[in-house]
Amino acid sequence: MDEPNPPTNRLALISLAAAILTVLSFCGGVAPVPLTGWFCYPGAIFLGLIALLTGIPALRQIRASGERGRGMALLGAWLGGLTILATICAVILAVYTVAALGGEIWKQIQPGLFPTPTP
């Protein structure tokens, strides 16, 4: 007979907590504060991996044992995976933007670096 109130899966709790921290870390990296991306983006990817890698086994354990926490495990796995993808997209966009702006800035600075002598 099933227990009336089964326990909550611990991996599901860990997955949800890591997912919430992942989203906060990603949002901190997107914030318009200089150089926050250097610390927040790697943290978002690391925590996203933890959320994803604990959410999937939690779902398997919940299915096998009948524990509670399926929603937490699903939310943790989805948020972790989506935040990893968003972080990768934000880094690619930032690198592209810096490269494009750097080329334009170099074109404007370059003529002034080597002035041509006037006769």
PDB file of N, CA and C in Angstrom:
ATOM      1  N   MET A   1       0.835  -1.187   0.000  1.00  0.00           N
ATOM      2  CA  MET A   1       0.000   0.000   0.000  1.00  0.00           C
ATOM      3  C   MET A   1       0.878   1.248   0.000  1.00  0.00           C
ATOM      4  N   ASP A   2       0.483   2.222  -0.779  1.00  0.00           N
ATOM      5  CA  ASP A   2       1.248   3.464  -0.866  1.00  0.00           C
ATOM      6  C   ASP A   2       1.119   4.260   0.422  1.00  0.00           C
ATOM      7  N   GLU A   3       2.205   4.989   0.711  1.00  0.00           N
ATOM      8  CA  GLU A   3       2.172   5.868   1.874  1.00  0.00           C
ATOM      9  C   GLU A   3       1.219   7.027   1.582  1.00  0.00           C
ATOM     10  N   PRO A   4       0.482   7.518   2.594  1.00  0.00           N
ATOM     11  CA  PRO A   4      -0.432   8.638   2.342  1.00  0.00           C
ATOM     12  C   PRO A   4       0.306   9.936   2.016  1.00  0.00           C
ATOM     13  N   ASN A   5       1.495  10.100   2.548  1.00  0.00           N
ATOM     14  CA  ASN A   5       2.255  11.320   2.335  1.00  0.00           C
ATOM     15  C   ASN A   5       3.714  10.943   2.050  1.00  0.00           C
ATOM     16  N   PRO A   6       4.046  10.590   0.792  1.00  0.00           N
ATOM     17  CA  PRO A   6       5.418  10.173   0.497  1.00  0.00           C
ATOM     18  C   PRO A   6       6.388  11.346   0.636  1.00  0.00           C
ATOM     19  N   PRO A   7       7.659  11.070   0.901  1.00  0.00           N
ATOM     20  CA  PRO A   7       8.643  12.153   1.054  1.00  0.00           C
ATOM     21  C   PRO A   7       8.960  12.813  -0.293  1.00  0.00           C
ATOM     22  N   THR A   8       9.509  13.999  -0.197  1.00  0.00           N
ATOM     23  CA  THR A   8       9.925  14.731  -1.389  1.00  0.00           C
ATOM     24  C   THR A   8      11.340  14.303  -1.759  1.00  0.00           C
ATOM     25  N   ASN A   9      11.564  14.111  -3.032  1.00  0.00           N
ATOM     26  CA  ASN A   9      12.870  13.687  -3.521  1.00  0.00           C
ATOM     27  C   ASN A   9      13.897  14.789  -3.289  1.00  0.00           C
ATOM     28  N   ARG A  10      15.041  14.415  -2.745  1.00  0.00           N
ATOM     29  CA  ARG A  10      16.087  15.413  -2.435  1.00  0.00           C
ATOM     30  C   ARG A  10      16.731  15.988  -3.686  1.00  0.00           C
ATOM     31  N   LEU A  11      16.922  15.140  -4.694  1.00  0.00           N
ATOM     32  CA  LEU A  11      17.513  15.663  -5.929  1.00  0.00           C
ATOM     33  C   LEU A  11      16.597  16.685  -6.594  1.00  0.00           C
ATOM     34  N   ALA A  12      15.297  16.502  -6.450  1.00  0.00           N
ATOM     35  CA  ALA A  12      14.353  17.481  -7.001  1.00  0.00           C
ATOM     36  C   ALA A  12      14.496  18.818  -6.285  1.00  0.00           C
ATOM     37  N   LEU A  13      14.666  18.785  -4.985  1.00  0.00           N
ATOM     38  CA  LEU A  13      14.880  20.026  -4.228  1.00  0.00           C
ATOM     39  C   LEU A  13      16.187  20.704  -4.635  1.00  0.00           C
ATOM     40  N   ILE A  14      17.245  19.913  -4.788  1.00  0.00           N
ATOM     41  CA  ILE A  14      18.540  20.465  -5.196  1.00  0.00           C
ATOM     42  C   ILE A  14      18.430  21.060  -6.591  1.00  0.00           C
ATOM     43  N   SER A  15      17.734  20.362  -7.478  1.00  0.00           N
ATOM     44  CA  SER A  15      17.569  20.847  -8.844  1.00  0.00           C
ATOM     45  C   SER A  15      16.824  22.176  -8.875  1.00  0.00           C
ATOM     46  N   LEU A  16      15.757  22.285  -8.111  1.00  0.00           N
ATOM     47  CA  LEU A  16      14.997  23.531  -8.078  1.00  0.00           C
ATOM     48  C   LEU A  16      15.822  24.667  -7.481  1.00  0.00           C
ATOM     49  N   ALA A  17      16.535  24.403  -6.396  1.00  0.00           N
ATOM     50  CA  ALA A  17      17.361  25.442  -5.773  1.00  0.00           C
ATOM     51  C   ALA A  17      18.463  25.908  -6.728  1.00  0.00           C
ATOM     52  N   ALA A  18      19.113  24.961  -7.407  1.00  0.00           N
ATOM     53  CA  ALA A  18      20.167  25.327  -8.361  1.00  0.00           C
ATOM     54  C   ALA A  18      19.583  26.104  -9.539  1.00  0.00           C
ATOM     55  N   ALA A  19      18.378  25.744  -9.968  1.00  0.00           N
ATOM     56  CA  ALA A  19      17.747  26.457 -11.085  1.00  0.00           C
ATOM     57  C   ALA A  19      17.434  27.898 -10.711  1.00  0.00           C
ATOM     58  N   ILE A  20      16.941  28.108  -9.509  1.00  0.00           N
ATOM     59  CA  ILE A  20      16.643  29.474  -9.062  1.00  0.00           C
ATOM     60  C   ILE A  20      17.929  30.297  -8.992  1.00  0.00           C
ATOM     61  N   LEU A  21      19.000  29.707  -8.460  1.00  0.00           N
ATOM     62  CA  LEU A  21      20.287  30.410  -8.405  1.00  0.00           C
ATOM     63  C   LEU A  21      20.852  30.645  -9.808  1.00  0.00           C
ATOM     64  N   THR A  22      20.580  29.720 -10.718  1.00  0.00           N
ATOM     65  CA  THR A  22      21.033  29.878 -12.100  1.00  0.00           C
ATOM     66  C   THR A  22      20.390  31.099 -12.744  1.00  0.00           C
ATOM     67  N   VAL A  23      19.086  31.223 -12.576  1.00  0.00           N
ATOM     68  CA  VAL A  23      18.373  32.363 -13.168  1.00  0.00           C
ATOM     69  C   VAL A  23      18.864  33.673 -12.540  1.00  0.00           C
ATOM     70  N   LEU A  24      19.065  33.683 -11.236  1.00  0.00           N
ATOM     71  CA  LEU A  24      19.569  34.890 -10.577  1.00  0.00           C
ATOM     72  C   LEU A  24      20.967  35.256 -11.066  1.00  0.00           C
ATOM     73  N   SER A  25      21.803  34.245 -11.252  1.00  0.00           N
ATOM     74  CA  SER A  25      23.155  34.497 -11.737  1.00  0.00           C
ATOM     75  C   SER A  25      23.133  35.019 -13.168  1.00  0.00           C
ATOM     76  N   PHE A  26      22.278  34.442 -14.011  1.00  0.00           N
ATOM     77  CA  PHE A  26      22.167  34.923 -15.388  1.00  0.00           C
ATOM     78  C   PHE A  26      21.672  36.363 -15.419  1.00  0.00           C
ATOM     79  N   CYS A  27      20.668  36.660 -14.614  1.00  0.00           N
ATOM     80  CA  CYS A  27      20.135  38.027 -14.571  1.00  0.00           C
ATOM     81  C   CYS A  27      21.184  39.007 -14.056  1.00  0.00           C
ATOM     82  N   GLY A  28      22.014  38.567 -13.135  1.00  0.00           N
ATOM     83  CA  GLY A  28      23.108  39.414 -12.655  1.00  0.00           C
ATOM     84  C   GLY A  28      24.115  39.697 -13.751  1.00  0.00           C
ATOM     85  N   GLY A  29      24.339  38.733 -14.637  1.00  0.00           N
ATOM     86  CA  GLY A  29      25.269  38.935 -15.748  1.00  0.00           C
ATOM     87  C   GLY A  29      24.716  39.855 -16.807  1.00  0.00           C
ATOM     88  N   VAL A  30      23.399  39.852 -16.973  1.00  0.00           N
ATOM     89  CA  VAL A  30      22.764  40.706 -17.975  1.00  0.00           C
ATOM     90  C   VAL A  30      22.592  42.131 -17.450  1.00  0.00           C
ATOM     91  N   ALA A  31      22.662  42.315 -16.159  1.00  0.00           N
ATOM     92  CA  ALA A  31      22.468  43.633 -15.550  1.00  0.00           C
ATOM     93  C   ALA A  31      23.478  44.635 -16.123  1.00  0.00           C
ATOM     94  N   PRO A  32      23.082  45.881 -16.238  1.00  0.00           N
ATOM     95  CA  PRO A  32      23.982  46.879 -16.832  1.00  0.00           C
ATOM     96  C   PRO A  32      25.052  47.368 -15.854  1.00  0.00           C
ATOM     97  N   VAL A  33      25.716  46.444 -15.224  1.00  0.00           N
ATOM     98  CA  VAL A  33      26.822  46.764 -14.328  1.00  0.00           C
ATOM     99  C   VAL A  33      28.088  46.237 -14.990  1.00  0.00           C
ATOM    100  N   PRO A  34      29.110  47.055 -15.134  1.00  0.00           N
ATOM    101  CA  PRO A  34      30.307  46.614 -15.854  1.00  0.00           C
ATOM    102  C   PRO A  34      30.952  45.380 -15.232  1.00  0.00           C
ATOM    103  N   LEU A  35      31.357  44.482 -16.086  1.00  0.00           N
ATOM    104  CA  LEU A  35      32.146  43.288 -15.764  1.00  0.00           C
ATOM    105  C   LEU A  35      31.427  42.242 -14.917  1.00  0.00           C
ATOM    106  N   THR A  36      30.106  42.329 -14.765  1.00  0.00           N
ATOM    107  CA  THR A  36      29.414  41.292 -14.010  1.00  0.00           C
ATOM    108  C   THR A  36      29.330  39.994 -14.794  1.00  0.00           C
ATOM    109  N   GLY A  37      29.364  40.088 -16.105  1.00  0.00           N
ATOM    110  CA  GLY A  37      29.301  38.892 -16.936  1.00  0.00           C
ATOM    111  C   GLY A  37      30.465  37.943 -16.711  1.00  0.00           C
ATOM    112  N   TRP A  38      31.623  38.491 -16.370  1.00  0.00           N
ATOM    113  CA  TRP A  38      32.801  37.650 -16.147  1.00  0.00           C
ATOM    114  C   TRP A  38      32.604  36.684 -14.987  1.00  0.00           C
ATOM    115  N   PHE A  39      31.787  37.076 -14.031  1.00  0.00           N
ATOM    116  CA  PHE A  39      31.558  36.216 -12.864  1.00  0.00           C
ATOM    117  C   PHE A  39      30.216  35.499 -12.934  1.00  0.00           C
ATOM    118  N   CYS A  40      29.219  36.180 -13.444  1.00  0.00           N
ATOM    119  CA  CYS A  40      27.862  35.620 -13.419  1.00  0.00           C
ATOM    120  C   CYS A  40      27.629  34.567 -14.485  1.00  0.00           C
ATOM    121  N   TYR A  41      28.169  34.733 -15.680  1.00  0.00           N
ATOM    122  CA  TYR A  41      27.923  33.757 -16.737  1.00  0.00           C
ATOM    123  C   TYR A  41      28.533  32.388 -16.437  1.00  0.00           C
ATOM    124  N   PRO A  42      29.794  32.314 -16.002  1.00  0.00           N
ATOM    125  CA  PRO A  42      30.295  30.982 -15.629  1.00  0.00           C
ATOM    126  C   PRO A  42      29.505  30.365 -14.471  1.00  0.00           C
ATOM    127  N   GLY A  43      29.082  31.191 -13.524  1.00  0.00           N
ATOM    128  CA  GLY A  43      28.257  30.690 -12.424  1.00  0.00           C
ATOM    129  C   GLY A  43      26.917  30.185 -12.911  1.00  0.00           C
ATOM    130  N   ALA A  44      26.328  30.876 -13.890  1.00  0.00           N
ATOM    131  CA  ALA A  44      25.042  30.452 -14.438  1.00  0.00           C
ATOM    132  C   ALA A  44      25.180  29.116 -15.162  1.00  0.00           C
ATOM    133  N   ILE A  45      26.256  28.940 -15.909  1.00  0.00           N
ATOM    134  CA  ILE A  45      26.450  27.668 -16.608  1.00  0.00           C
ATOM    135  C   ILE A  45      26.698  26.540 -15.606  1.00  0.00           C
ATOM    136  N   PHE A  46      27.526  26.787 -14.603  1.00  0.00           N
ATOM    137  CA  PHE A  46      27.813  25.759 -13.594  1.00  0.00           C
ATOM    138  C   PHE A  46      26.545  25.367 -12.833  1.00  0.00           C
ATOM    139  N   LEU A  47      25.810  26.348 -12.363  1.00  0.00           N
ATOM    140  CA  LEU A  47      24.578  26.046 -11.627  1.00  0.00           C
ATOM    141  C   LEU A  47      23.512  25.443 -12.534  1.00  0.00           C
ATOM    142  N   GLY A  48      23.477  25.860 -13.794  1.00  0.00           N
ATOM    143  CA  GLY A  48      22.543  25.268 -14.742  1.00  0.00           C
ATOM    144  C   GLY A  48      22.835  23.798 -14.980  1.00  0.00           C
ATOM    145  N   LEU A  49      24.126  23.469 -15.048  1.00  0.00           N
ATOM    146  CA  LEU A  49      24.500  22.059 -15.185  1.00  0.00           C
ATOM    147  C   LEU A  49      24.079  21.256 -13.952  1.00  0.00           C
ATOM    148  N   ILE A  50      24.258  21.842 -12.778  1.00  0.00           N
ATOM    149  CA  ILE A  50      23.833  21.150 -11.559  1.00  0.00           C
ATOM    150  C   ILE A  50      22.320  20.932 -11.580  1.00  0.00           C
ATOM    151  N   ALA A  51      21.573  21.961 -11.956  1.00  0.00           N
ATOM    152  CA  ALA A  51      20.111  21.834 -12.011  1.00  0.00           C
ATOM    153  C   ALA A  51      19.687  20.772 -13.012  1.00  0.00           C
ATOM    154  N   LEU A  52      20.319  20.770 -14.167  1.00  0.00           N
ATOM    155  CA  LEU A  52      19.973  19.806 -15.205  1.00  0.00           C
ATOM    156  C   LEU A  52      20.383  18.388 -14.816  1.00  0.00           C
ATOM    157  N   LEU A  53      21.588  18.258 -14.280  1.00  0.00           N
ATOM    158  CA  LEU A  53      22.109  16.927 -13.957  1.00  0.00           C
ATOM    159  C   LEU A  53      21.538  16.348 -12.668  1.00  0.00           C
ATOM    160  N   THR A  54      20.840  17.128 -11.886  1.00  0.00           N
ATOM    161  CA  THR A  54      20.120  16.569 -10.733  1.00  0.00           C
ATOM    162  C   THR A  54      18.634  16.419 -11.025  1.00  0.00           C
ATOM    163  N   GLY A  55      18.112  17.215 -11.940  1.00  0.00           N
ATOM    164  CA  GLY A  55      16.690  17.142 -12.272  1.00  0.00           C
ATOM    165  C   GLY A  55      16.323  15.874 -13.026  1.00  0.00           C
ATOM    166  N   ILE A  56      17.168  15.473 -13.962  1.00  0.00           N
ATOM    167  CA  ILE A  56      16.868  14.277 -14.761  1.00  0.00           C
ATOM    168  C   ILE A  56      16.903  13.010 -13.909  1.00  0.00           C
ATOM    169  N   PRO A  57      17.944  12.781 -13.090  1.00  0.00           N
ATOM    170  CA  PRO A  57      17.894  11.592 -12.225  1.00  0.00           C
ATOM    171  C   PRO A  57      16.767  11.652 -11.196  1.00  0.00           C
ATOM    172  N   ALA A  58      16.418  12.858 -10.758  1.00  0.00           N
ATOM    173  CA  ALA A  58      15.307  12.993  -9.812  1.00  0.00           C
ATOM    174  C   ALA A  58      14.012  12.499 -10.446  1.00  0.00           C
ATOM    175  N   LEU A  59      13.807  12.818 -11.713  1.00  0.00           N
ATOM    176  CA  LEU A  59      12.602  12.347 -12.404  1.00  0.00           C
ATOM    177  C   LEU A  59      12.569  10.820 -12.477  1.00  0.00           C
ATOM    178  N   ARG A  60      13.723  10.223 -12.732  1.00  0.00           N
ATOM    179  CA  ARG A  60      13.794   8.755 -12.766  1.00  0.00           C
ATOM    180  C   ARG A  60      13.498   8.159 -11.395  1.00  0.00           C
ATOM    181  N   GLN A  61      14.085   8.750 -10.364  1.00  0.00           N
ATOM    182  CA  GLN A  61      13.860   8.240  -9.007  1.00  0.00           C
ATOM    183  C   GLN A  61      12.401   8.407  -8.592  1.00  0.00           C
ATOM    184  N   ILE A  62      11.801   9.519  -8.942  1.00  0.00           N
ATOM    185  CA  ILE A  62      10.402   9.777  -8.576  1.00  0.00           C
ATOM    186  C   ILE A  62       9.481   8.776  -9.271  1.00  0.00           C
ATOM    187  N   ARG A  63       9.775   8.488 -10.531  1.00  0.00           N
ATOM    188  CA  ARG A  63       8.960   7.522 -11.258  1.00  0.00           C
ATOM    189  C   ARG A  63       9.080   6.127 -10.639  1.00  0.00           C
ATOM    190  N   ALA A  64      10.283   5.787 -10.195  1.00  0.00           N
ATOM    191  CA  ALA A  64      10.499   4.445  -9.644  1.00  0.00           C
ATOM    192  C   ALA A  64       9.983   4.300  -8.217  1.00  0.00           C
ATOM    193  N   SER A  65      10.110   5.332  -7.405  1.00  0.00           N
ATOM    194  CA  SER A  65       9.797   5.206  -5.978  1.00  0.00           C
ATOM    195  C   SER A  65       8.452   5.800  -5.576  1.00  0.00           C
ATOM    196  N   GLY A  66       7.887   6.660  -6.416  1.00  0.00           N
ATOM    197  CA  GLY A  66       6.617   7.281  -6.056  1.00  0.00           C
ATOM    198  C   GLY A  66       6.759   8.464  -5.117  1.00  0.00           C
ATOM    199  N   GLU A  67       7.944   9.021  -5.017  1.00  0.00           N
ATOM    200  CA  GLU A  67       8.150  10.189  -4.160  1.00  0.00           C
ATOM    201  C   GLU A  67       7.490  11.417  -4.782  1.00  0.00           C
ATOM    202  N   ARG A  68       7.396  12.463  -3.993  1.00  0.00           N
ATOM    203  CA  ARG A  68       6.885  13.741  -4.482  1.00  0.00           C
ATOM    204  C   ARG A  68       8.038  14.551  -5.059  1.00  0.00           C
ATOM    205  N   GLY A  69       7.689  15.606  -5.806  1.00  0.00           N
ATOM    206  CA  GLY A  69       8.702  16.524  -6.311  1.00  0.00           C
ATOM    207  C   GLY A  69       8.880  16.490  -7.807  1.00  0.00           C
ATOM    208  N   ARG A  70       7.961  15.870  -8.525  1.00  0.00           N
ATOM    209  CA  ARG A  70       8.086  15.801  -9.981  1.00  0.00           C
ATOM    210  C   ARG A  70       8.102  17.198 -10.603  1.00  0.00           C
ATOM    211  N   GLY A  71       7.229  18.069 -10.143  1.00  0.00           N
ATOM    212  CA  GLY A  71       7.187  19.435 -10.677  1.00  0.00           C
ATOM    213  C   GLY A  71       8.471  20.197 -10.409  1.00  0.00           C
ATOM    214  N   MET A  72       9.034  20.013  -9.217  1.00  0.00           N
ATOM    215  CA  MET A  72      10.294  20.687  -8.890  1.00  0.00           C
ATOM    216  C   MET A  72      11.422  20.174  -9.777  1.00  0.00           C
ATOM    217  N   ALA A  73      11.452  18.853 -10.001  1.00  0.00           N
ATOM    218  CA  ALA A  73      12.490  18.274 -10.853  1.00  0.00           C
ATOM    219  C   ALA A  73      12.344  18.744 -12.293  1.00  0.00           C
ATOM    220  N   LEU A  74      11.120  18.782 -12.793  1.00  0.00           N
ATOM    221  CA  LEU A  74      10.893  19.276 -14.158  1.00  0.00           C
ATOM    222  C   LEU A  74      11.289  20.737 -14.296  1.00  0.00           C
ATOM    223  N   LEU A  75      10.859  21.551 -13.351  1.00  0.00           N
ATOM    224  CA  LEU A  75      11.188  22.973 -13.395  1.00  0.00           C
ATOM    225  C   LEU A  75      12.691  23.189 -13.296  1.00  0.00           C
ATOM    226  N   GLY A  76      13.348  22.452 -12.424  1.00  0.00           N
ATOM    227  CA  GLY A  76      14.799  22.582 -12.285  1.00  0.00           C
ATOM    228  C   GLY A  76      15.534  22.191 -13.548  1.00  0.00           C
ATOM    229  N   ALA A  77      15.133  21.069 -14.146  1.00  0.00           N
ATOM    230  CA  ALA A  77      15.802  20.613 -15.367  1.00  0.00           C
ATOM    231  C   ALA A  77      15.563  21.589 -16.521  1.00  0.00           C
ATOM    232  N   TRP A  78      14.324  22.048 -16.691  1.00  0.00           N
ATOM    233  CA  TRP A  78      14.014  22.979 -17.774  1.00  0.00           C
ATOM    234  C   TRP A  78      14.710  24.324 -17.580  1.00  0.00           C
ATOM    235  N   LEU A  79      14.618  24.880 -16.383  1.00  0.00           N
ATOM    236  CA  LEU A  79      15.262  26.176 -16.139  1.00  0.00           C
ATOM    237  C   LEU A  79      16.777  26.076 -16.293  1.00  0.00           C
ATOM    238  N   GLY A  80      17.346  24.995 -15.799  1.00  0.00           N
ATOM    239  CA  GLY A  80      18.789  24.809 -15.937  1.00  0.00           C
ATOM    240  C   GLY A  80      19.206  24.743 -17.390  1.00  0.00           C
ATOM    241  N   GLY A  81      18.512  23.926 -18.180  1.00  0.00           N
ATOM    242  CA  GLY A  81      18.855  23.794 -19.595  1.00  0.00           C
ATOM    243  C   GLY A  81      18.637  25.071 -20.384  1.00  0.00           C
ATOM    244  N   LEU A  82      17.499  25.723 -20.153  1.00  0.00           N
ATOM    245  CA  LEU A  82      17.211  26.962 -20.887  1.00  0.00           C
ATOM    246  C   LEU A  82      18.162  28.091 -20.504  1.00  0.00           C
ATOM    247  N   THR A  83      18.549  28.153 -19.242  1.00  0.00           N
ATOM    248  CA  THR A  83      19.471  29.203 -18.827  1.00  0.00           C
ATOM    249  C   THR A  83      20.863  28.967 -19.389  1.00  0.00           C
ATOM    250  N   ILE A  84      21.264  27.695 -19.512  1.00  0.00           N
ATOM    251  CA  ILE A  84      22.547  27.399 -20.161  1.00  0.00           C
ATOM    252  C   ILE A  84      22.517  27.896 -21.608  1.00  0.00           C
ATOM    253  N   LEU A  85      21.443  27.595 -22.318  1.00  0.00           N
ATOM    254  CA  LEU A  85      21.321  28.060 -23.705  1.00  0.00           C
ATOM    255  C   LEU A  85      21.296  29.582 -23.796  1.00  0.00           C
ATOM    256  N   ALA A  86      20.567  30.228 -22.893  1.00  0.00           N
ATOM    257  CA  ALA A  86      20.503  31.691 -22.894  1.00  0.00           C
ATOM    258  C   ALA A  86      21.875  32.298 -22.599  1.00  0.00           C
ATOM    259  N   THR A  87      22.621  31.683 -21.703  1.00  0.00           N
ATOM    260  CA  THR A  87      23.953  32.181 -21.368  1.00  0.00           C
ATOM    261  C   THR A  87      24.885  32.057 -22.557  1.00  0.00           C
ATOM    262  N   ILE A  88      24.834  30.921 -23.237  1.00  0.00           N
ATOM    263  CA  ILE A  88      25.679  30.727 -24.416  1.00  0.00           C
ATOM    264  C   ILE A  88      25.315  31.754 -25.493  1.00  0.00           C
ATOM    265  N   CYS A  89      24.034  31.986 -25.707  1.00  0.00           N
ATOM    266  CA  CYS A  89      23.594  32.997 -26.691  1.00  0.00           C
ATOM    267  C   CYS A  89      24.050  34.397 -26.287  1.00  0.00           C
ATOM    268  N   ALA A  90      23.961  34.726 -25.016  1.00  0.00           N
ATOM    269  CA  ALA A  90      24.385  36.055 -24.554  1.00  0.00           C
ATOM    270  C   ALA A  90      25.886  36.246 -24.734  1.00  0.00           C
ATOM    271  N   VAL A  91      26.670  35.214 -24.482  1.00  0.00           N
ATOM    272  CA  VAL A  91      28.122  35.322 -24.661  1.00  0.00           C
ATOM    273  C   VAL A  91      28.463  35.488 -26.140  1.00  0.00           C
ATOM    274  N   ILE A  92      27.812  34.710 -26.999  1.00  0.00           N
ATOM    275  CA  ILE A  92      28.061  34.833 -28.446  1.00  0.00           C
ATOM    276  C   ILE A  92      27.672  36.232 -28.928  1.00  0.00           C
ATOM    277  N   LEU A  93      26.538  36.727 -28.486  1.00  0.00           N
ATOM    278  CA  LEU A  93      26.104  38.067 -28.871  1.00  0.00           C
ATOM    279  C   LEU A  93      27.079  39.131 -28.375  1.00  0.00           C
ATOM    280  N   ALA A  94      27.569  38.988 -27.167  1.00  0.00           N
ATOM    281  CA  ALA A  94      28.516  39.957 -26.620  1.00  0.00           C
ATOM    282  C   ALA A  94      29.834  39.938 -27.392  1.00  0.00           C
ATOM    283  N   VAL A  95      30.332  38.750 -27.715  1.00  0.00           N
ATOM    284  CA  VAL A  95      31.585  38.651 -28.475  1.00  0.00           C
ATOM    285  C   VAL A  95      31.408  39.261 -29.861  1.00  0.00           C
ATOM    286  N   TYR A  96      30.297  38.972 -30.502  1.00  0.00           N
ATOM    287  CA  TYR A  96      30.030  39.535 -31.829  1.00  0.00           C
ATOM    288  C   TYR A  96      29.927  41.060 -31.766  1.00  0.00           C
ATOM    289  N   THR A  97      29.236  41.565 -30.761  1.00  0.00           N
ATOM    290  CA  THR A  97      29.062  43.007 -30.629  1.00  0.00           C
ATOM    291  C   THR A  97      30.397  43.702 -30.381  1.00  0.00           C
ATOM    292  N   VAL A  98      31.212  43.137 -29.502  1.00  0.00           N
ATOM    293  CA  VAL A  98      32.522  43.733 -29.217  1.00  0.00           C
ATOM    294  C   VAL A  98      33.397  43.695 -30.462  1.00  0.00           C
ATOM    295  N   ALA A  99      33.349  42.600 -31.209  1.00  0.00           N
ATOM    296  CA  ALA A  99      34.153  42.508 -32.429  1.00  0.00           C
ATOM    297  C   ALA A  99      33.691  43.522 -33.473  1.00  0.00           C
ATOM    298  N   ALA A 100      32.386  43.669 -33.626  1.00  0.00           N
ATOM    299  CA  ALA A 100      31.864  44.620 -34.606  1.00  0.00           C
ATOM    300  C   ALA A 100      32.172  46.055 -34.205  1.00  0.00           C
ATOM    301  N   LEU A 101      31.969  46.380 -32.942  1.00  0.00           N
ATOM    302  CA  LEU A 101      32.260  47.736 -32.477  1.00  0.00           C
ATOM    303  C   LEU A 101      33.754  48.013 -32.479  1.00  0.00           C
ATOM    304  N   GLY A 102      34.544  47.001 -32.155  1.00  0.00           N
ATOM    305  CA  GLY A 102      35.994  47.182 -32.155  1.00  0.00           C
ATOM    306  C   GLY A 102      36.519  47.510 -33.533  1.00  0.00           C
ATOM    307  N   GLY A 103      35.964  46.867 -34.561  1.00  0.00           N
ATOM    308  CA  GLY A 103      36.381  47.164 -35.926  1.00  0.00           C
ATOM    309  C   GLY A 103      36.015  48.573 -36.329  1.00  0.00           C
ATOM    310  N   GLU A 104      34.819  49.019 -35.955  1.00  0.00           N
ATOM    311  CA  GLU A 104      34.401  50.387 -36.277  1.00  0.00           C
ATOM    312  C   GLU A 104      35.241  51.414 -35.532  1.00  0.00           C
ATOM    313  N   ILE A 105      35.531  51.146 -34.283  1.00  0.00           N
ATOM    314  CA  ILE A 105      36.357  52.078 -33.499  1.00  0.00           C
ATOM    315  C   ILE A 105      37.769  52.137 -34.071  1.00  0.00           C
ATOM    316  N   TRP A 106      38.307  50.989 -34.475  1.00  0.00           N
ATOM    317  CA  TRP A 106      39.656  50.958 -35.036  1.00  0.00           C
ATOM    318  C   TRP A 106      39.714  51.755 -36.337  1.00  0.00           C
ATOM    319  N   LYS A 107      38.656  51.687 -37.144  1.00  0.00           N
ATOM    320  CA  LYS A 107      38.629  52.456 -38.391  1.00  0.00           C
ATOM    321  C   LYS A 107      38.649  53.955 -38.117  1.00  0.00           C
ATOM    322  N   GLN A 108      38.044  54.378 -37.040  1.00  0.00           N
ATOM    323  CA  GLN A 108      38.018  55.799 -36.715  1.00  0.00           C
ATOM    324  C   GLN A 108      39.334  56.249 -36.085  1.00  0.00           C
ATOM    325  N   ILE A 109      39.976  55.384 -35.337  1.00  0.00           N
ATOM    326  CA  ILE A 109      41.219  55.754 -34.644  1.00  0.00           C
ATOM    327  C   ILE A 109      42.419  55.650 -35.575  1.00  0.00           C
ATOM    328  N   GLN A 110      42.425  54.692 -36.460  1.00  0.00           N
ATOM    329  CA  GLN A 110      43.582  54.390 -37.295  1.00  0.00           C
ATOM    330  C   GLN A 110      44.122  55.588 -38.067  1.00  0.00           C
ATOM    331  N   PRO A 111      43.321  56.399 -38.736  1.00  0.00           N
ATOM    332  CA  PRO A 111      43.920  57.541 -39.448  1.00  0.00           C
ATOM    333  C   PRO A 111      44.645  58.521 -38.523  1.00  0.00           C
ATOM    334  N   GLY A 112      44.202  58.610 -37.290  1.00  0.00           N
ATOM    335  CA  GLY A 112      44.841  59.545 -36.371  1.00  0.00           C
ATOM    336  C   GLY A 112      46.135  59.017 -35.773  1.00  0.00           C
ATOM    337  N   LEU A 113      46.369  57.725 -35.859  1.00  0.00           N
ATOM    338  CA  LEU A 113      47.596  57.154 -35.294  1.00  0.00           C
ATOM    339  C   LEU A 113      48.824  57.482 -36.130  1.00  0.00           C
ATOM    340  N   PHE A 114      48.684  57.449 -37.423  1.00  0.00           N
ATOM    341  CA  PHE A 114      49.813  57.685 -38.309  1.00  0.00           C
ATOM    342  C   PHE A 114      49.505  58.864 -39.238  1.00  0.00           C
ATOM    343  N   PRO A 115      49.684  60.073 -38.708  1.00  0.00           N
ATOM    344  CA  PRO A 115      49.372  61.233 -39.565  1.00  0.00           C
ATOM    345  C   PRO A 115      50.368  61.322 -40.728  1.00  0.00           C
ATOM    346  N   THR A 116      49.843  61.721 -41.848  1.00  0.00           N
ATOM    347  CA  THR A 116      50.721  61.875 -43.019  1.00  0.00           C
ATOM    348  C   THR A 116      51.398  63.232 -42.949  1.00  0.00           C
ATOM    349  N   PRO A 117      52.683  63.247 -43.226  1.00  0.00           N
ATOM    350  CA  PRO A 117      53.396  64.545 -43.175  1.00  0.00           C
ATOM    351  C   PRO A 117      52.955  65.450 -44.323  1.00  0.00           C
ATOM    352  N   THR A 118      52.853  66.707 -44.035  1.00  0.00           N
ATOM    353  CA  THR A 118      52.490  67.682 -45.057  1.00  0.00           C
ATOM    354  C   THR A 118      53.742  68.351 -45.585  1.00  0.00           C
ATOM    355  N   PRO A 119      53.845  68.534 -46.911  1.00  0.00           N
ATOM    356  CA  PRO A 119      55.081  69.159 -47.463  1.00  0.00           C
ATOM    357  C   PRO A 119      55.153  70.645 -47.252  1.00  0.00           C
TER     358      PRO A 119
END
